[in-house]
Amino acid sequence: VRTVSRGGQEYQKNEHGARLIITHSTRILEALQVDHTHILVKGRLVHSGDGSLVDEINEHGFERFE
């Protein structure tokens, strides 16, 4: 997980690029600067927010979005 996170950080820093990360676990996001967060449930977009939404998911889980 750290290796992937570091690679993503280097890409964003050196290439000034964007990343799209699709994951069921927020662990990979811990080392990244998250600007936007989108939550999909059963293939539908149910919520969008900024990077602080990742902290909320870590604290309370996905249940409120289902």
PDB file of N, CA and C in Angstrom:
ATOM      1  N   VAL A   1       0.831  -1.185   0.000  1.00  0.00           N
ATOM      2  CA  VAL A   1       0.000   0.000   0.000  1.00  0.00           C
ATOM      3  C   VAL A   1       0.879   1.253   0.000  1.00  0.00           C
ATOM      4  N   ARG A   2       1.914   1.260   0.825  1.00  0.00           N
ATOM      5  CA  ARG A   2       2.805   2.428   0.870  1.00  0.00           C
ATOM      6  C   ARG A   2       3.503   2.659  -0.468  1.00  0.00           C
ATOM      7  N   THR A   3       3.911   1.572  -1.115  1.00  0.00           N
ATOM      8  CA  THR A   3       4.599   1.697  -2.402  1.00  0.00           C
ATOM      9  C   THR A   3       3.689   2.331  -3.441  1.00  0.00           C
ATOM     10  N   VAL A   4       2.447   1.888  -3.486  1.00  0.00           N
ATOM     11  CA  VAL A   4       1.483   2.455  -4.436  1.00  0.00           C
ATOM     12  C   VAL A   4       1.219   3.918  -4.101  1.00  0.00           C
ATOM     13  N   SER A   5       1.060   4.225  -2.824  1.00  0.00           N
ATOM     14  CA  SER A   5       0.824   5.611  -2.405  1.00  0.00           C
ATOM     15  C   SER A   5       1.998   6.504  -2.790  1.00  0.00           C
ATOM     16  N   ARG A   6       3.218   6.025  -2.538  1.00  0.00           N
ATOM     17  CA  ARG A   6       4.402   6.811  -2.889  1.00  0.00           C
ATOM     18  C   ARG A   6       4.488   7.042  -4.393  1.00  0.00           C
ATOM     19  N   GLY A   7       4.190   6.010  -5.168  1.00  0.00           N
ATOM     20  CA  GLY A   7       4.202   6.153  -6.621  1.00  0.00           C
ATOM     21  C   GLY A   7       3.195   7.192  -7.084  1.00  0.00           C
ATOM     22  N   GLY A   8       2.022   7.190  -6.488  1.00  0.00           N
ATOM     23  CA  GLY A   8       0.994   8.180  -6.818  1.00  0.00           C
ATOM     24  C   GLY A   8       1.419   9.583  -6.454  1.00  0.00           C
ATOM     25  N   GLN A   9       2.059   9.726  -5.304  1.00  0.00           N
ATOM     26  CA  GLN A   9       2.547  11.040  -4.875  1.00  0.00           C
ATOM     27  C   GLN A   9       3.607  11.566  -5.835  1.00  0.00           C
ATOM     28  N   GLU A  10       4.536  10.704  -6.214  1.00  0.00           N
ATOM     29  CA  GLU A  10       5.600  11.112  -7.131  1.00  0.00           C
ATOM     30  C   GLU A  10       5.028  11.521  -8.482  1.00  0.00           C
ATOM     31  N   TYR A  11       4.068  10.762  -8.966  1.00  0.00           N
ATOM     32  CA  TYR A  11       3.442  11.100 -10.247  1.00  0.00           C
ATOM     33  C   TYR A  11       2.794  12.481 -10.178  1.00  0.00           C
ATOM     34  N   GLN A  12       2.015  12.717  -9.140  1.00  0.00           N
ATOM     35  CA  GLN A  12       1.321  13.999  -9.022  1.00  0.00           C
ATOM     36  C   GLN A  12       2.325  15.149  -8.902  1.00  0.00           C
ATOM     37  N   LYS A  13       3.378  14.940  -8.141  1.00  0.00           N
ATOM     38  CA  LYS A  13       4.377  15.983  -7.925  1.00  0.00           C
ATOM     39  C   LYS A  13       5.175  16.263  -9.203  1.00  0.00           C
ATOM     40  N   ASN A  14       5.654  15.232  -9.853  1.00  0.00           N
ATOM     41  CA  ASN A  14       6.536  15.402 -11.007  1.00  0.00           C
ATOM     42  C   ASN A  14       5.797  15.720 -12.297  1.00  0.00           C
ATOM     43  N   GLU A  15       4.618  15.176 -12.457  1.00  0.00           N
ATOM     44  CA  GLU A  15       3.879  15.342 -13.710  1.00  0.00           C
ATOM     45  C   GLU A  15       2.730  16.339 -13.583  1.00  0.00           C
ATOM     46  N   HIS A  16       2.495  16.821 -12.370  1.00  0.00           N
ATOM     47  CA  HIS A  16       1.359  17.715 -12.118  1.00  0.00           C
ATOM     48  C   HIS A  16       0.072  17.073 -12.628  1.00  0.00           C
ATOM     49  N   GLY A  17      -0.032  15.786 -12.395  1.00  0.00           N
ATOM     50  CA  GLY A  17      -1.160  15.026 -12.925  1.00  0.00           C
ATOM     51  C   GLY A  17      -2.203  14.718 -11.877  1.00  0.00           C
ATOM     52  N   ALA A  18      -3.325  14.283 -12.355  1.00  0.00           N
ATOM     53  CA  ALA A  18      -4.430  13.866 -11.490  1.00  0.00           C
ATOM     54  C   ALA A  18      -4.420  12.347 -11.381  1.00  0.00           C
ATOM     55  N   ARG A  19      -5.041  11.847 -10.322  1.00  0.00           N
ATOM     56  CA  ARG A  19      -5.166  10.406 -10.130  1.00  0.00           C
ATOM     57  C   ARG A  19      -6.608  10.078  -9.834  1.00  0.00           C
ATOM     58  N   LEU A  20      -7.062   8.992 -10.357  1.00  0.00           N
ATOM     59  CA  LEU A  20      -8.381   8.459 -10.020  1.00  0.00           C
ATOM     60  C   LEU A  20      -8.128   7.128  -9.341  1.00  0.00           C
ATOM     61  N   ILE A  21      -8.515   7.041  -8.081  1.00  0.00           N
ATOM     62  CA  ILE A  21      -8.295   5.821  -7.314  1.00  0.00           C
ATOM     63  C   ILE A  21      -9.651   5.276  -6.914  1.00  0.00           C
ATOM     64  N   ILE A  22      -9.917   4.054  -7.317  1.00  0.00           N
ATOM     65  CA  ILE A  22     -11.164   3.386  -6.958  1.00  0.00           C
ATOM     66  C   ILE A  22     -10.797   2.292  -5.967  1.00  0.00           C
ATOM     67  N   THR A  23     -11.383   2.356  -4.765  1.00  0.00           N
ATOM     68  CA  THR A  23     -11.000   1.416  -3.718  1.00  0.00           C
ATOM     69  C   THR A  23     -12.161   1.157  -2.770  1.00  0.00           C
ATOM     70  N   HIS A  24     -12.127   0.007  -2.122  1.00  0.00           N
ATOM     71  CA  HIS A  24     -13.084  -0.314  -1.067  1.00  0.00           C
ATOM     72  C   HIS A  24     -12.491  -0.002   0.303  1.00  0.00           C
ATOM     73  N   SER A  25     -11.208   0.293   0.322  1.00  0.00           N
ATOM     74  CA  SER A  25     -10.504   0.568   1.571  1.00  0.00           C
ATOM     75  C   SER A  25      -9.855   1.947   1.492  1.00  0.00           C
ATOM     76  N   THR A  26     -10.001   2.727   2.533  1.00  0.00           N
ATOM     77  CA  THR A  26      -9.416   4.070   2.534  1.00  0.00           C
ATOM     78  C   THR A  26      -7.941   4.050   2.924  1.00  0.00           C
ATOM     79  N   ARG A  27      -7.417   2.893   3.263  1.00  0.00           N
ATOM     80  CA  ARG A  27      -6.031   2.809   3.734  1.00  0.00           C
ATOM     81  C   ARG A  27      -5.036   3.366   2.715  1.00  0.00           C
ATOM     82  N   ILE A  28      -5.252   3.087   1.438  1.00  0.00           N
ATOM     83  CA  ILE A  28      -4.335   3.568   0.401  1.00  0.00           C
ATOM     84  C   ILE A  28      -4.343   5.094   0.311  1.00  0.00           C
ATOM     85  N   LEU A  29      -5.390   5.715   0.793  1.00  0.00           N
ATOM     86  CA  LEU A  29      -5.526   7.169   0.695  1.00  0.00           C
ATOM     87  C   LEU A  29      -4.812   7.912   1.818  1.00  0.00           C
ATOM     88  N   GLU A  30      -4.380   7.186   2.846  1.00  0.00           N
ATOM     89  CA  GLU A  30      -3.790   7.820   4.027  1.00  0.00           C
ATOM     90  C   GLU A  30      -2.567   8.668   3.701  1.00  0.00           C
ATOM     91  N   ALA A  31      -1.777   8.259   2.734  1.00  0.00           N
ATOM     92  CA  ALA A  31      -0.549   8.979   2.410  1.00  0.00           C
ATOM     93  C   ALA A  31      -0.723   9.943   1.242  1.00  0.00           C
ATOM     94  N   LEU A  32      -1.938  10.104   0.756  1.00  0.00           N
ATOM     95  CA  LEU A  32      -2.186  10.944  -0.411  1.00  0.00           C
ATOM     96  C   LEU A  32      -2.962  12.195  -0.036  1.00  0.00           C
ATOM     97  N   GLN A  33      -2.780  13.234  -0.813  1.00  0.00           N
ATOM     98  CA  GLN A  33      -3.603  14.433  -0.662  1.00  0.00           C
ATOM     99  C   GLN A  33      -4.867  14.201  -1.480  1.00  0.00           C
ATOM    100  N   VAL A  34      -5.996  14.110  -0.808  1.00  0.00           N
ATOM    101  CA  VAL A  34      -7.274  13.847  -1.473  1.00  0.00           C
ATOM    102  C   VAL A  34      -8.034  15.162  -1.594  1.00  0.00           C
ATOM    103  N   ASP A  35      -8.343  15.546  -2.824  1.00  0.00           N
ATOM    104  CA  ASP A  35      -9.070  16.791  -3.066  1.00  0.00           C
ATOM    105  C   ASP A  35     -10.572  16.567  -3.186  1.00  0.00           C
ATOM    106  N   HIS A  36     -10.947  15.472  -3.813  1.00  0.00           N
ATOM    107  CA  HIS A  36     -12.362  15.169  -4.049  1.00  0.00           C
ATOM    108  C   HIS A  36     -12.618  13.708  -3.706  1.00  0.00           C
ATOM    109  N   THR A  37     -13.787  13.433  -3.147  1.00  0.00           N
ATOM    110  CA  THR A  37     -14.182  12.073  -2.807  1.00  0.00           C
ATOM    111  C   THR A  37     -15.588  11.839  -3.328  1.00  0.00           C
ATOM    112  N   HIS A  38     -15.777  10.712  -3.993  1.00  0.00           N
ATOM    113  CA  HIS A  38     -17.099  10.339  -4.500  1.00  0.00           C
ATOM    114  C   HIS A  38     -17.409   8.938  -3.993  1.00  0.00           C
ATOM    115  N   ILE A  39     -18.630   8.723  -3.534  1.00  0.00           N
ATOM    116  CA  ILE A  39     -19.041   7.422  -3.020  1.00  0.00           C
ATOM    117  C   ILE A  39     -20.083   6.838  -3.954  1.00  0.00           C
ATOM    118  N   LEU A  40     -19.815   5.616  -4.399  1.00  0.00           N
ATOM    119  CA  LEU A  40     -20.750   4.893  -5.250  1.00  0.00           C
ATOM    120  C   LEU A  40     -21.293   3.702  -4.477  1.00  0.00           C
ATOM    121  N   VAL A  41     -22.581   3.468  -4.580  1.00  0.00           N
ATOM    122  CA  VAL A  41     -23.222   2.304  -3.983  1.00  0.00           C
ATOM    123  C   VAL A  41     -24.016   1.624  -5.084  1.00  0.00           C
ATOM    124  N   LYS A  42     -23.719   0.354  -5.317  1.00  0.00           N
ATOM    125  CA  LYS A  42     -24.381  -0.428  -6.367  1.00  0.00           C
ATOM    126  C   LYS A  42     -24.318   0.290  -7.716  1.00  0.00           C
ATOM    127  N   GLY A  43     -23.151   0.885  -7.997  1.00  0.00           N
ATOM    128  CA  GLY A  43     -22.929   1.532  -9.279  1.00  0.00           C
ATOM    129  C   GLY A  43     -23.500   2.927  -9.423  1.00  0.00           C
ATOM    130  N   ARG A  44     -24.083   3.463  -8.371  1.00  0.00           N
ATOM    131  CA  ARG A  44     -24.682   4.804  -8.439  1.00  0.00           C
ATOM    132  C   ARG A  44     -23.927   5.762  -7.531  1.00  0.00           C
ATOM    133  N   LEU A  45     -23.720   6.975  -8.020  1.00  0.00           N
ATOM    134  CA  LEU A  45     -23.089   8.015  -7.217  1.00  0.00           C
ATOM    135  C   LEU A  45     -24.089   8.485  -6.168  1.00  0.00           C
ATOM    136  N   VAL A  46     -23.733   8.315  -4.883  1.00  0.00           N
ATOM    137  CA  VAL A  46     -24.669   8.671  -3.815  1.00  0.00           C
ATOM    138  C   VAL A  46     -24.202   9.859  -2.979  1.00  0.00           C
ATOM    139  N   HIS A  47     -22.916  10.202  -3.069  1.00  0.00           N
ATOM    140  CA  HIS A  47     -22.425  11.334  -2.275  1.00  0.00           C
ATOM    141  C   HIS A  47     -21.077  11.794  -2.827  1.00  0.00           C
ATOM    142  N   SER A  48     -20.836  13.095  -2.766  1.00  0.00           N
ATOM    143  CA  SER A  48     -19.545  13.675  -3.148  1.00  0.00           C
ATOM    144  C   SER A  48     -19.124  14.664  -2.079  1.00  0.00           C
ATOM    145  N   GLY A  49     -17.839  14.816  -1.908  1.00  0.00           N
ATOM    146  CA  GLY A  49     -17.329  15.766  -0.934  1.00  0.00           C
ATOM    147  C   GLY A  49     -15.849  16.006  -1.145  1.00  0.00           C
ATOM    148  N   ASP A  50     -15.237  16.692  -0.198  1.00  0.00           N
ATOM    149  CA  ASP A  50     -13.805  16.951  -0.286  1.00  0.00           C
ATOM    150  C   ASP A  50     -13.039  15.841   0.431  1.00  0.00           C
ATOM    151  N   GLY A  51     -11.756  16.043   0.625  1.00  0.00           N
ATOM    152  CA  GLY A  51     -10.918  15.029   1.250  1.00  0.00           C
ATOM    153  C   GLY A  51     -11.316  14.674   2.669  1.00  0.00           C
ATOM    154  N   SER A  52     -12.000  15.577   3.367  1.00  0.00           N
ATOM    155  CA  SER A  52     -12.408  15.284   4.746  1.00  0.00           C
ATOM    156  C   SER A  52     -13.437  14.158   4.814  1.00  0.00           C
ATOM    157  N   LEU A  53     -14.073  13.868   3.710  1.00  0.00           N
ATOM    158  CA  LEU A  53     -15.039  12.767   3.672  1.00  0.00           C
ATOM    159  C   LEU A  53     -14.354  11.427   3.943  1.00  0.00           C
ATOM    160  N   VAL A  54     -13.095  11.303   3.565  1.00  0.00           N
ATOM    161  CA  VAL A  54     -12.339  10.077   3.841  1.00  0.00           C
ATOM    162  C   VAL A  54     -12.222   9.870   5.347  1.00  0.00           C
ATOM    163  N   ASP A  55     -11.941  10.938   6.090  1.00  0.00           N
ATOM    164  CA  ASP A  55     -11.852  10.833   7.554  1.00  0.00           C
ATOM    165  C   ASP A  55     -13.192  10.421   8.154  1.00  0.00           C
ATOM    166  N   GLU A  56     -14.270  10.962   7.620  1.00  0.00           N
ATOM    167  CA  GLU A  56     -15.609  10.611   8.104  1.00  0.00           C
ATOM    168  C   GLU A  56     -15.902   9.130   7.861  1.00  0.00           C
ATOM    169  N   ILE A  57     -15.524   8.630   6.705  1.00  0.00           N
ATOM    170  CA  ILE A  57     -15.724   7.210   6.393  1.00  0.00           C
ATOM    171  C   ILE A  57     -14.902   6.351   7.342  1.00  0.00           C
ATOM    172  N   ASN A  58     -13.663   6.743   7.604  1.00  0.00           N
ATOM    173  CA  ASN A  58     -12.821   5.985   8.533  1.00  0.00           C
ATOM    174  C   ASN A  58     -13.422   5.942   9.929  1.00  0.00           C
ATOM    175  N   GLU A  59     -14.040   7.030  10.333  1.00  0.00           N
ATOM    176  CA  GLU A  59     -14.602   7.106  11.685  1.00  0.00           C
ATOM    177  C   GLU A  59     -15.953   6.408  11.801  1.00  0.00           C
ATOM    178  N   HIS A  60     -16.811   6.572  10.788  1.00  0.00           N
ATOM    179  CA  HIS A  60     -18.191   6.093  10.906  1.00  0.00           C
ATOM    180  C   HIS A  60     -18.568   4.994   9.916  1.00  0.00           C
ATOM    181  N   GLY A  61     -17.717   4.715   8.952  1.00  0.00           N
ATOM    182  CA  GLY A  61     -18.016   3.686   7.962  1.00  0.00           C
ATOM    183  C   GLY A  61     -18.905   4.199   6.838  1.00  0.00           C
ATOM    184  N   PHE A  62     -19.274   3.281   5.959  1.00  0.00           N
ATOM    185  CA  PHE A  62     -20.075   3.616   4.781  1.00  0.00           C
ATOM    186  C   PHE A  62     -21.580   3.505   5.023  1.00  0.00           C
ATOM    187  N   GLU A  63     -21.980   3.022   6.182  1.00  0.00           N
ATOM    188  CA  GLU A  63     -23.386   2.690   6.424  1.00  0.00           C
ATOM    189  C   GLU A  63     -24.352   3.824   6.103  1.00  0.00           C
ATOM    190  N   ARG A  64     -24.006   5.045   6.414  1.00  0.00           N
ATOM    191  CA  ARG A  64     -24.946   6.152   6.199  1.00  0.00           C
ATOM    192  C   ARG A  64     -25.188   6.433   4.719  1.00  0.00           C
ATOM    193  N   PHE A  65     -24.351   5.894   3.857  1.00  0.00           N
ATOM    194  CA  PHE A  65     -24.492   6.127   2.426  1.00  0.00           C
ATOM    195  C   PHE A  65     -25.261   5.014   1.724  1.00  0.00           C
ATOM    196  N   GLU A  66     -25.519   3.929   2.432  1.00  0.00           N
ATOM    197  CA  GLU A  66     -26.174   2.773   1.799  1.00  0.00           C
ATOM    198  C   GLU A  66     -27.674   2.893   1.834  1.00  0.00           C
TER     199      GLU A  66
END
